[in-house]
């Protein structure tokens, strides 16, 4: 029998570390939107693979972008 691939877990890499992004900028809404679901909620680290340090930076950047009306608080 051959081993099935659906049970193997794939290691996720941090998006910011891979692309050498040192500062998560609130003005860069295109990158921030990658980490928001269709309801404009921040997607968890477990699903995105972002490191804990960068997830904290990401959440602060999203909060600032929402306050500056660059991102929505809620959307459908």
PDB file of N, CA and C in Angstrom:
ATOM      1  N   UNK A   1       0.835  -1.193   0.000  1.00  0.00           N
ATOM      2  CA  UNK A   1       0.000   0.000   0.000  1.00  0.00           C
ATOM      3  C   UNK A   1       0.872   1.246   0.000  1.00  0.00           C
ATOM      4  N   UNK A   2       0.434   2.218  -0.724  1.00  0.00           N
ATOM      5  CA  UNK A   2       1.171   3.481  -0.741  1.00  0.00           C
ATOM      6  C   UNK A   2       0.612   4.412   0.323  1.00  0.00           C
ATOM      7  N   UNK A   3       1.460   5.214   0.946  1.00  0.00           N
ATOM      8  CA  UNK A   3       0.955   6.141   1.972  1.00  0.00           C
ATOM      9  C   UNK A   3       0.103   7.239   1.332  1.00  0.00           C
ATOM     10  N   UNK A   4      -0.974   7.579   2.015  1.00  0.00           N
ATOM     11  CA  UNK A   4      -1.868   8.613   1.486  1.00  0.00           C
ATOM     12  C   UNK A   4      -1.337  10.005   1.830  1.00  0.00           C
ATOM     13  N   UNK A   5      -1.538  10.923   0.932  1.00  0.00           N
ATOM     14  CA  UNK A   5      -1.028  12.277   1.109  1.00  0.00           C
ATOM     15  C   UNK A   5      -1.971  13.184   1.882  1.00  0.00           C
ATOM     16  N   UNK A   6      -3.218  12.787   2.037  1.00  0.00           N
ATOM     17  CA  UNK A   6      -4.172  13.673   2.697  1.00  0.00           C
ATOM     18  C   UNK A   6      -3.949  13.770   4.202  1.00  0.00           C
ATOM     19  N   UNK A   7      -3.200  12.857   4.795  1.00  0.00           N
ATOM     20  CA  UNK A   7      -2.929  12.928   6.230  1.00  0.00           C
ATOM     21  C   UNK A   7      -1.629  13.653   6.554  1.00  0.00           C
ATOM     22  N   UNK A   8      -0.797  13.891   5.556  1.00  0.00           N
ATOM     23  CA  UNK A   8       0.469  14.565   5.797  1.00  0.00           C
ATOM     24  C   UNK A   8       0.234  16.059   5.973  1.00  0.00           C
ATOM     25  N   UNK A   9       0.879  16.607   7.001  1.00  0.00           N
ATOM     26  CA  UNK A   9       0.730  18.045   7.253  1.00  0.00           C
ATOM     27  C   UNK A   9       1.843  18.797   6.552  1.00  0.00           C
ATOM     28  N   UNK A  10       1.471  19.854   5.871  1.00  0.00           N
ATOM     29  CA  UNK A  10       2.423  20.682   5.157  1.00  0.00           C
ATOM     30  C   UNK A  10       2.851  21.821   6.061  1.00  0.00           C
ATOM     31  N   UNK A  11       4.136  22.042   6.167  1.00  0.00           N
ATOM     32  CA  UNK A  11       4.633  23.119   7.011  1.00  0.00           C
ATOM     33  C   UNK A  11       4.386  24.450   6.310  1.00  0.00           C
ATOM     34  N   UNK A  12       3.756  25.372   7.022  1.00  0.00           N
ATOM     35  CA  UNK A  12       3.471  26.687   6.454  1.00  0.00           C
ATOM     36  C   UNK A  12       4.554  27.661   6.870  1.00  0.00           C
ATOM     37  N   UNK A  13       4.981  28.461   5.935  1.00  0.00           N
ATOM     38  CA  UNK A  13       6.023  29.444   6.196  1.00  0.00           C
ATOM     39  C   UNK A  13       5.390  30.807   6.439  1.00  0.00           C
ATOM     40  N   UNK A  14       6.083  31.621   7.198  1.00  0.00           N
ATOM     41  CA  UNK A  14       5.607  32.970   7.474  1.00  0.00           C
ATOM     42  C   UNK A  14       5.736  33.818   6.210  1.00  0.00           C
ATOM     43  N   UNK A  15       4.635  34.426   5.776  1.00  0.00           N
ATOM     44  CA  UNK A  15       4.615  35.248   4.566  1.00  0.00           C
ATOM     45  C   UNK A  15       5.601  36.409   4.669  1.00  0.00           C
ATOM     46  N   UNK A  16       5.671  37.035   5.828  1.00  0.00           N
ATOM     47  CA  UNK A  16       6.510  38.213   6.000  1.00  0.00           C
ATOM     48  C   UNK A  16       7.989  37.843   6.036  1.00  0.00           C
ATOM     49  N   UNK A  17       8.329  36.711   6.626  1.00  0.00           N
ATOM     50  CA  UNK A  17       9.721  36.261   6.658  1.00  0.00           C
ATOM     51  C   UNK A  17      10.190  35.822   5.274  1.00  0.00           C
ATOM     52  N   UNK A  18       9.321  35.132   4.526  1.00  0.00           N
ATOM     53  CA  UNK A  18       9.683  34.672   3.187  1.00  0.00           C
ATOM     54  C   UNK A  18       9.937  35.832   2.239  1.00  0.00           C
ATOM     55  N   UNK A  19       9.137  36.882   2.339  1.00  0.00           N
ATOM     56  CA  UNK A  19       9.265  38.026   1.434  1.00  0.00           C
ATOM     57  C   UNK A  19      10.131  39.139   1.999  1.00  0.00           C
ATOM     58  N   UNK A  20      10.805  38.858   3.117  1.00  0.00           N
ATOM     59  CA  UNK A  20      11.754  39.794   3.745  1.00  0.00           C
ATOM     60  C   UNK A  20      11.093  41.136   4.061  1.00  0.00           C
ATOM     61  N   UNK A  21       9.890  41.083   4.640  1.00  0.00           N
ATOM     62  CA  UNK A  21       9.169  42.286   5.049  1.00  0.00           C
ATOM     63  C   UNK A  21       9.415  42.482   6.540  1.00  0.00           C
ATOM     64  N   UNK A  22      10.132  43.551   6.886  1.00  0.00           N
ATOM     65  CA  UNK A  22      10.481  43.794   8.284  1.00  0.00           C
ATOM     66  C   UNK A  22       9.366  44.522   9.032  1.00  0.00           C
ATOM     67  N   UNK A  23       8.677  45.438   8.336  1.00  0.00           N
ATOM     68  CA  UNK A  23       7.642  46.258   8.968  1.00  0.00           C
ATOM     69  C   UNK A  23       6.308  46.012   8.266  1.00  0.00           C
ATOM     70  N   UNK A  24       5.297  45.633   9.019  1.00  0.00           N
ATOM     71  CA  UNK A  24       3.954  45.436   8.473  1.00  0.00           C
ATOM     72  C   UNK A  24       3.277  46.800   8.458  1.00  0.00           C
ATOM     73  N   UNK A  25       3.081  47.356   7.266  1.00  0.00           N
ATOM     74  CA  UNK A  25       2.583  48.715   7.129  1.00  0.00           C
ATOM     75  C   UNK A  25       1.069  48.733   6.980  1.00  0.00           C
ATOM     76  N   UNK A  26       0.408  49.592   7.733  1.00  0.00           N
ATOM     77  CA  UNK A  26      -1.056  49.674   7.680  1.00  0.00           C
ATOM     78  C   UNK A  26      -1.541  50.274   6.373  1.00  0.00           C
ATOM     79  N   UNK A  27      -0.679  51.001   5.659  1.00  0.00           N
ATOM     80  CA  UNK A  27      -1.074  51.629   4.399  1.00  0.00           C
ATOM     81  C   UNK A  27      -1.057  50.652   3.222  1.00  0.00           C
ATOM     82  N   UNK A  28      -0.417  49.510   3.407  1.00  0.00           N
ATOM     83  CA  UNK A  28      -0.346  48.502   2.350  1.00  0.00           C
ATOM     84  C   UNK A  28      -1.549  47.561   2.465  1.00  0.00           C
ATOM     85  N   UNK A  29      -2.687  48.027   1.987  1.00  0.00           N
ATOM     86  CA  UNK A  29      -3.942  47.290   2.183  1.00  0.00           C
ATOM     87  C   UNK A  29      -4.006  46.006   1.370  1.00  0.00           C
ATOM     88  N   UNK A  30      -3.275  45.929   0.256  1.00  0.00           N
ATOM     89  CA  UNK A  30      -3.306  44.710  -0.559  1.00  0.00           C
ATOM     90  C   UNK A  30      -2.760  43.515   0.224  1.00  0.00           C
ATOM     91  N   UNK A  31      -1.675  43.724   0.951  1.00  0.00           N
ATOM     92  CA  UNK A  31      -1.107  42.649   1.770  1.00  0.00           C
ATOM     93  C   UNK A  31      -2.028  42.339   2.946  1.00  0.00           C
ATOM     94  N   UNK A  32      -2.575  43.369   3.580  1.00  0.00           N
ATOM     95  CA  UNK A  32      -3.443  43.146   4.737  1.00  0.00           C
ATOM     96  C   UNK A  32      -4.702  42.369   4.352  1.00  0.00           C
ATOM     97  N   UNK A  33      -5.226  42.621   3.151  1.00  0.00           N
ATOM     98  CA  UNK A  33      -6.447  41.931   2.705  1.00  0.00           C
ATOM     99  C   UNK A  33      -6.227  40.437   2.520  1.00  0.00           C
ATOM    100  N   UNK A  34      -4.988  40.014   2.299  1.00  0.00           N
ATOM    101  CA  UNK A  34      -4.693  38.585   2.170  1.00  0.00           C
ATOM    102  C   UNK A  34      -4.979  37.839   3.472  1.00  0.00           C
ATOM    103  N   UNK A  35      -4.902  38.553   4.591  1.00  0.00           N
ATOM    104  CA  UNK A  35      -5.069  37.928   5.898  1.00  0.00           C
ATOM    105  C   UNK A  35      -6.430  38.207   6.510  1.00  0.00           C
ATOM    106  N   UNK A  36      -7.387  38.675   5.693  1.00  0.00           N
ATOM    107  CA  UNK A  36      -8.761  38.903   6.135  1.00  0.00           C
ATOM    108  C   UNK A  36      -9.688  37.963   5.379  1.00  0.00           C
ATOM    109  N   UNK A  37     -10.679  37.421   6.080  1.00  0.00           N
ATOM    110  CA  UNK A  37     -11.657  36.575   5.405  1.00  0.00           C
ATOM    111  C   UNK A  37     -12.730  37.472   4.761  1.00  0.00           C
ATOM    112  N   UNK A  38     -13.680  36.912   4.013  1.00  0.00           N
ATOM    113  CA  UNK A  38     -14.699  37.737   3.346  1.00  0.00           C
ATOM    114  C   UNK A  38     -15.542  38.601   4.284  1.00  0.00           C
ATOM    115  N   UNK A  39     -15.600  38.242   5.565  1.00  0.00           N
ATOM    116  CA  UNK A  39     -16.336  39.050   6.534  1.00  0.00           C
ATOM    117  C   UNK A  39     -15.448  40.099   7.195  1.00  0.00           C
ATOM    118  N   UNK A  40     -14.229  40.259   6.699  1.00  0.00           N
ATOM    119  CA  UNK A  40     -13.245  41.248   7.175  1.00  0.00           C
ATOM    120  C   UNK A  40     -12.706  40.935   8.564  1.00  0.00           C
ATOM    121  N   UNK A  41     -12.671  39.659   8.913  1.00  0.00           N
ATOM    122  CA  UNK A  41     -12.047  39.253  10.173  1.00  0.00           C
ATOM    123  C   UNK A  41     -10.634  38.766   9.891  1.00  0.00           C
ATOM    124  N   UNK A  42      -9.748  38.929  10.861  1.00  0.00           N
ATOM    125  CA  UNK A  42      -8.371  38.482  10.701  1.00  0.00           C
ATOM    126  C   UNK A  42      -8.328  36.958  10.791  1.00  0.00           C
ATOM    127  N   UNK A  43      -7.655  36.331   9.820  1.00  0.00           N
ATOM    128  CA  UNK A  43      -7.540  34.873   9.796  1.00  0.00           C
ATOM    129  C   UNK A  43      -6.460  34.453  10.795  1.00  0.00           C
ATOM    130  N   UNK A  44      -6.682  33.327  11.462  1.00  0.00           N
ATOM    131  CA  UNK A  44      -5.783  32.875  12.520  1.00  0.00           C
ATOM    132  C   UNK A  44      -4.412  32.469  11.991  1.00  0.00           C
ATOM    133  N   UNK A  45      -3.459  32.458  12.897  1.00  0.00           N
ATOM    134  CA  UNK A  45      -2.093  32.045  12.590  1.00  0.00           C
ATOM    135  C   UNK A  45      -2.045  30.617  12.085  1.00  0.00           C
ATOM    136  N   UNK A  46      -2.880  29.793  12.656  1.00  0.00           N
ATOM    137  CA  UNK A  46      -2.891  28.372  12.328  1.00  0.00           C
ATOM    138  C   UNK A  46      -3.178  28.155  10.843  1.00  0.00           C
ATOM    139  N   UNK A  47      -4.055  28.958  10.290  1.00  0.00           N
ATOM    140  CA  UNK A  47      -4.428  28.813   8.883  1.00  0.00           C
ATOM    141  C   UNK A  47      -3.463  29.530   7.943  1.00  0.00           C
ATOM    142  N   UNK A  48      -2.927  30.684   8.364  1.00  0.00           N
ATOM    143  CA  UNK A  48      -2.077  31.464   7.473  1.00  0.00           C
ATOM    144  C   UNK A  48      -0.604  31.090   7.575  1.00  0.00           C
ATOM    145  N   UNK A  49      -0.161  30.587   8.730  1.00  0.00           N
ATOM    146  CA  UNK A  49       1.233  30.217   8.896  1.00  0.00           C
ATOM    147  C   UNK A  49       2.134  31.371   9.289  1.00  0.00           C
ATOM    148  N   UNK A  50       1.568  32.492   9.669  1.00  0.00           N
ATOM    149  CA  UNK A  50       2.352  33.665  10.067  1.00  0.00           C
ATOM    150  C   UNK A  50       2.917  33.436  11.473  1.00  0.00           C
ATOM    151  N   UNK A  51       4.132  33.909  11.712  1.00  0.00           N
ATOM    152  CA  UNK A  51       4.744  33.752  13.034  1.00  0.00           C
ATOM    153  C   UNK A  51       4.001  34.597  14.066  1.00  0.00           C
ATOM    154  N   UNK A  52       4.189  34.274  15.337  1.00  0.00           N
ATOM    155  CA  UNK A  52       3.463  34.964  16.414  1.00  0.00           C
ATOM    156  C   UNK A  52       3.803  36.448  16.446  1.00  0.00           C
ATOM    157  N   UNK A  53       5.071  36.756  16.286  1.00  0.00           N
ATOM    158  CA  UNK A  53       5.521  38.149  16.311  1.00  0.00           C
ATOM    159  C   UNK A  53       4.878  38.948  15.176  1.00  0.00           C
ATOM    160  N   UNK A  54       4.885  38.371  13.971  1.00  0.00           N
ATOM    161  CA  UNK A  54       4.305  39.065  12.828  1.00  0.00           C
ATOM    162  C   UNK A  54       2.784  39.083  12.870  1.00  0.00           C
ATOM    163  N   UNK A  55       2.165  38.112  13.527  1.00  0.00           N
ATOM    164  CA  UNK A  55       0.705  38.130  13.685  1.00  0.00           C
ATOM    165  C   UNK A  55       0.285  39.299  14.565  1.00  0.00           C
ATOM    166  N   UNK A  56       1.065  39.581  15.609  1.00  0.00           N
ATOM    167  CA  UNK A  56       0.768  40.743  16.463  1.00  0.00           C
ATOM    168  C   UNK A  56       0.927  42.032  15.674  1.00  0.00           C
ATOM    169  N   UNK A  57       1.988  42.138  14.875  1.00  0.00           N
ATOM    170  CA  UNK A  57       2.188  43.323  14.032  1.00  0.00           C
ATOM    171  C   UNK A  57       1.049  43.458  13.022  1.00  0.00           C
ATOM    172  N   UNK A  58       0.621  42.326  12.475  1.00  0.00           N
ATOM    173  CA  UNK A  58      -0.462  42.319  11.496  1.00  0.00           C
ATOM    174  C   UNK A  58      -1.761  42.819  12.103  1.00  0.00           C
ATOM    175  N   UNK A  59      -2.082  42.359  13.311  1.00  0.00           N
ATOM    176  CA  UNK A  59      -3.338  42.771  13.941  1.00  0.00           C
ATOM    177  C   UNK A  59      -3.328  44.266  14.266  1.00  0.00           C
ATOM    178  N   UNK A  60      -2.180  44.786  14.699  1.00  0.00           N
ATOM    179  CA  UNK A  60      -2.072  46.228  14.971  1.00  0.00           C
ATOM    180  C   UNK A  60      -2.233  47.021  13.672  1.00  0.00           C
ATOM    181  N   UNK A  61      -1.612  46.524  12.586  1.00  0.00           N
ATOM    182  CA  UNK A  61      -1.713  47.210  11.291  1.00  0.00           C
ATOM    183  C   UNK A  61      -3.144  47.209  10.778  1.00  0.00           C
ATOM    184  N   UNK A  62      -3.860  46.091  10.968  1.00  0.00           N
ATOM    185  CA  UNK A  62      -5.258  46.013  10.529  1.00  0.00           C
ATOM    186  C   UNK A  62      -6.119  46.980  11.344  1.00  0.00           C
ATOM    187  N   UNK A  63      -5.868  47.061  12.649  1.00  0.00           N
ATOM    188  CA  UNK A  63      -6.626  47.987  13.494  1.00  0.00           C
ATOM    189  C   UNK A  63      -6.393  49.432  13.073  1.00  0.00           C
ATOM    190  N   UNK A  64      -5.154  49.777  12.774  1.00  0.00           N
ATOM    191  CA  UNK A  64      -4.845  51.142  12.318  1.00  0.00           C
ATOM    192  C   UNK A  64      -5.483  51.439  10.976  1.00  0.00           C
ATOM    193  N   UNK A  65      -5.428  50.464  10.059  1.00  0.00           N
ATOM    194  CA  UNK A  65      -6.027  50.653   8.734  1.00  0.00           C
ATOM    195  C   UNK A  65      -7.545  50.806   8.831  1.00  0.00           C
ATOM    196  N   UNK A  66      -8.163  50.090   9.743  1.00  0.00           N
ATOM    197  CA  UNK A  66      -9.612  50.234   9.941  1.00  0.00           C
ATOM    198  C   UNK A  66      -9.941  51.613  10.495  1.00  0.00           C
ATOM    199  N   UNK A  67      -9.152  52.077  11.441  1.00  0.00           N
ATOM    200  CA  UNK A  67      -9.389  53.389  12.045  1.00  0.00           C
ATOM    201  C   UNK A  67      -9.233  54.501  11.011  1.00  0.00           C
ATOM    202  N   UNK A  68      -8.290  54.325  10.080  1.00  0.00           N
ATOM    203  CA  UNK A  68      -8.049  55.326   9.032  1.00  0.00           C
ATOM    204  C   UNK A  68      -8.986  55.122   7.829  1.00  0.00           C
ATOM    205  N   UNK A  69      -9.919  54.193   7.934  1.00  0.00           N
ATOM    206  CA  UNK A  69     -10.924  53.884   6.902  1.00  0.00           C
ATOM    207  C   UNK A  69     -10.296  53.329   5.622  1.00  0.00           C
ATOM    208  N   UNK A  70      -9.163  52.640   5.744  1.00  0.00           N
ATOM    209  CA  UNK A  70      -8.557  51.971   4.602  1.00  0.00           C
ATOM    210  C   UNK A  70      -9.094  50.551   4.441  1.00  0.00           C
ATOM    211  N   UNK A  71      -9.535  49.968   5.557  1.00  0.00           N
ATOM    212  CA  UNK A  71     -10.149  48.642   5.551  1.00  0.00           C
ATOM    213  C   UNK A  71     -11.493  48.726   6.287  1.00  0.00           C
ATOM    214  N   UNK A  72     -12.439  47.875   5.916  1.00  0.00           N
ATOM    215  CA  UNK A  72     -13.729  47.886   6.599  1.00  0.00           C
ATOM    216  C   UNK A  72     -13.667  47.148   7.931  1.00  0.00           C
ATOM    217  N   UNK A  73     -14.508  47.532   8.866  1.00  0.00           N
ATOM    218  CA  UNK A  73     -14.645  46.790  10.119  1.00  0.00           C
ATOM    219  C   UNK A  73     -15.445  45.516   9.871  1.00  0.00           C
ATOM    220  N   UNK A  74     -16.516  45.629   9.075  1.00  0.00           N
ATOM    221  CA  UNK A  74     -17.393  44.499   8.752  1.00  0.00           C
ATOM    222  C   UNK A  74     -17.756  44.604   7.295  1.00  0.00           C
ATOM    223  N   UNK A  75     -17.794  43.469   6.582  1.00  0.00           N
ATOM    224  CA  UNK A  75     -18.249  43.476   5.198  1.00  0.00           C
ATOM    225  C   UNK A  75     -18.914  42.155   4.893  1.00  0.00           C
ATOM    226  N   UNK A  76     -19.694  42.144   3.827  1.00  0.00           N
ATOM    227  CA  UNK A  76     -20.363  40.906   3.396  1.00  0.00           C
ATOM    228  C   UNK A  76     -20.179  40.675   1.946  1.00  0.00           C
TER     229      UNK A  76
END
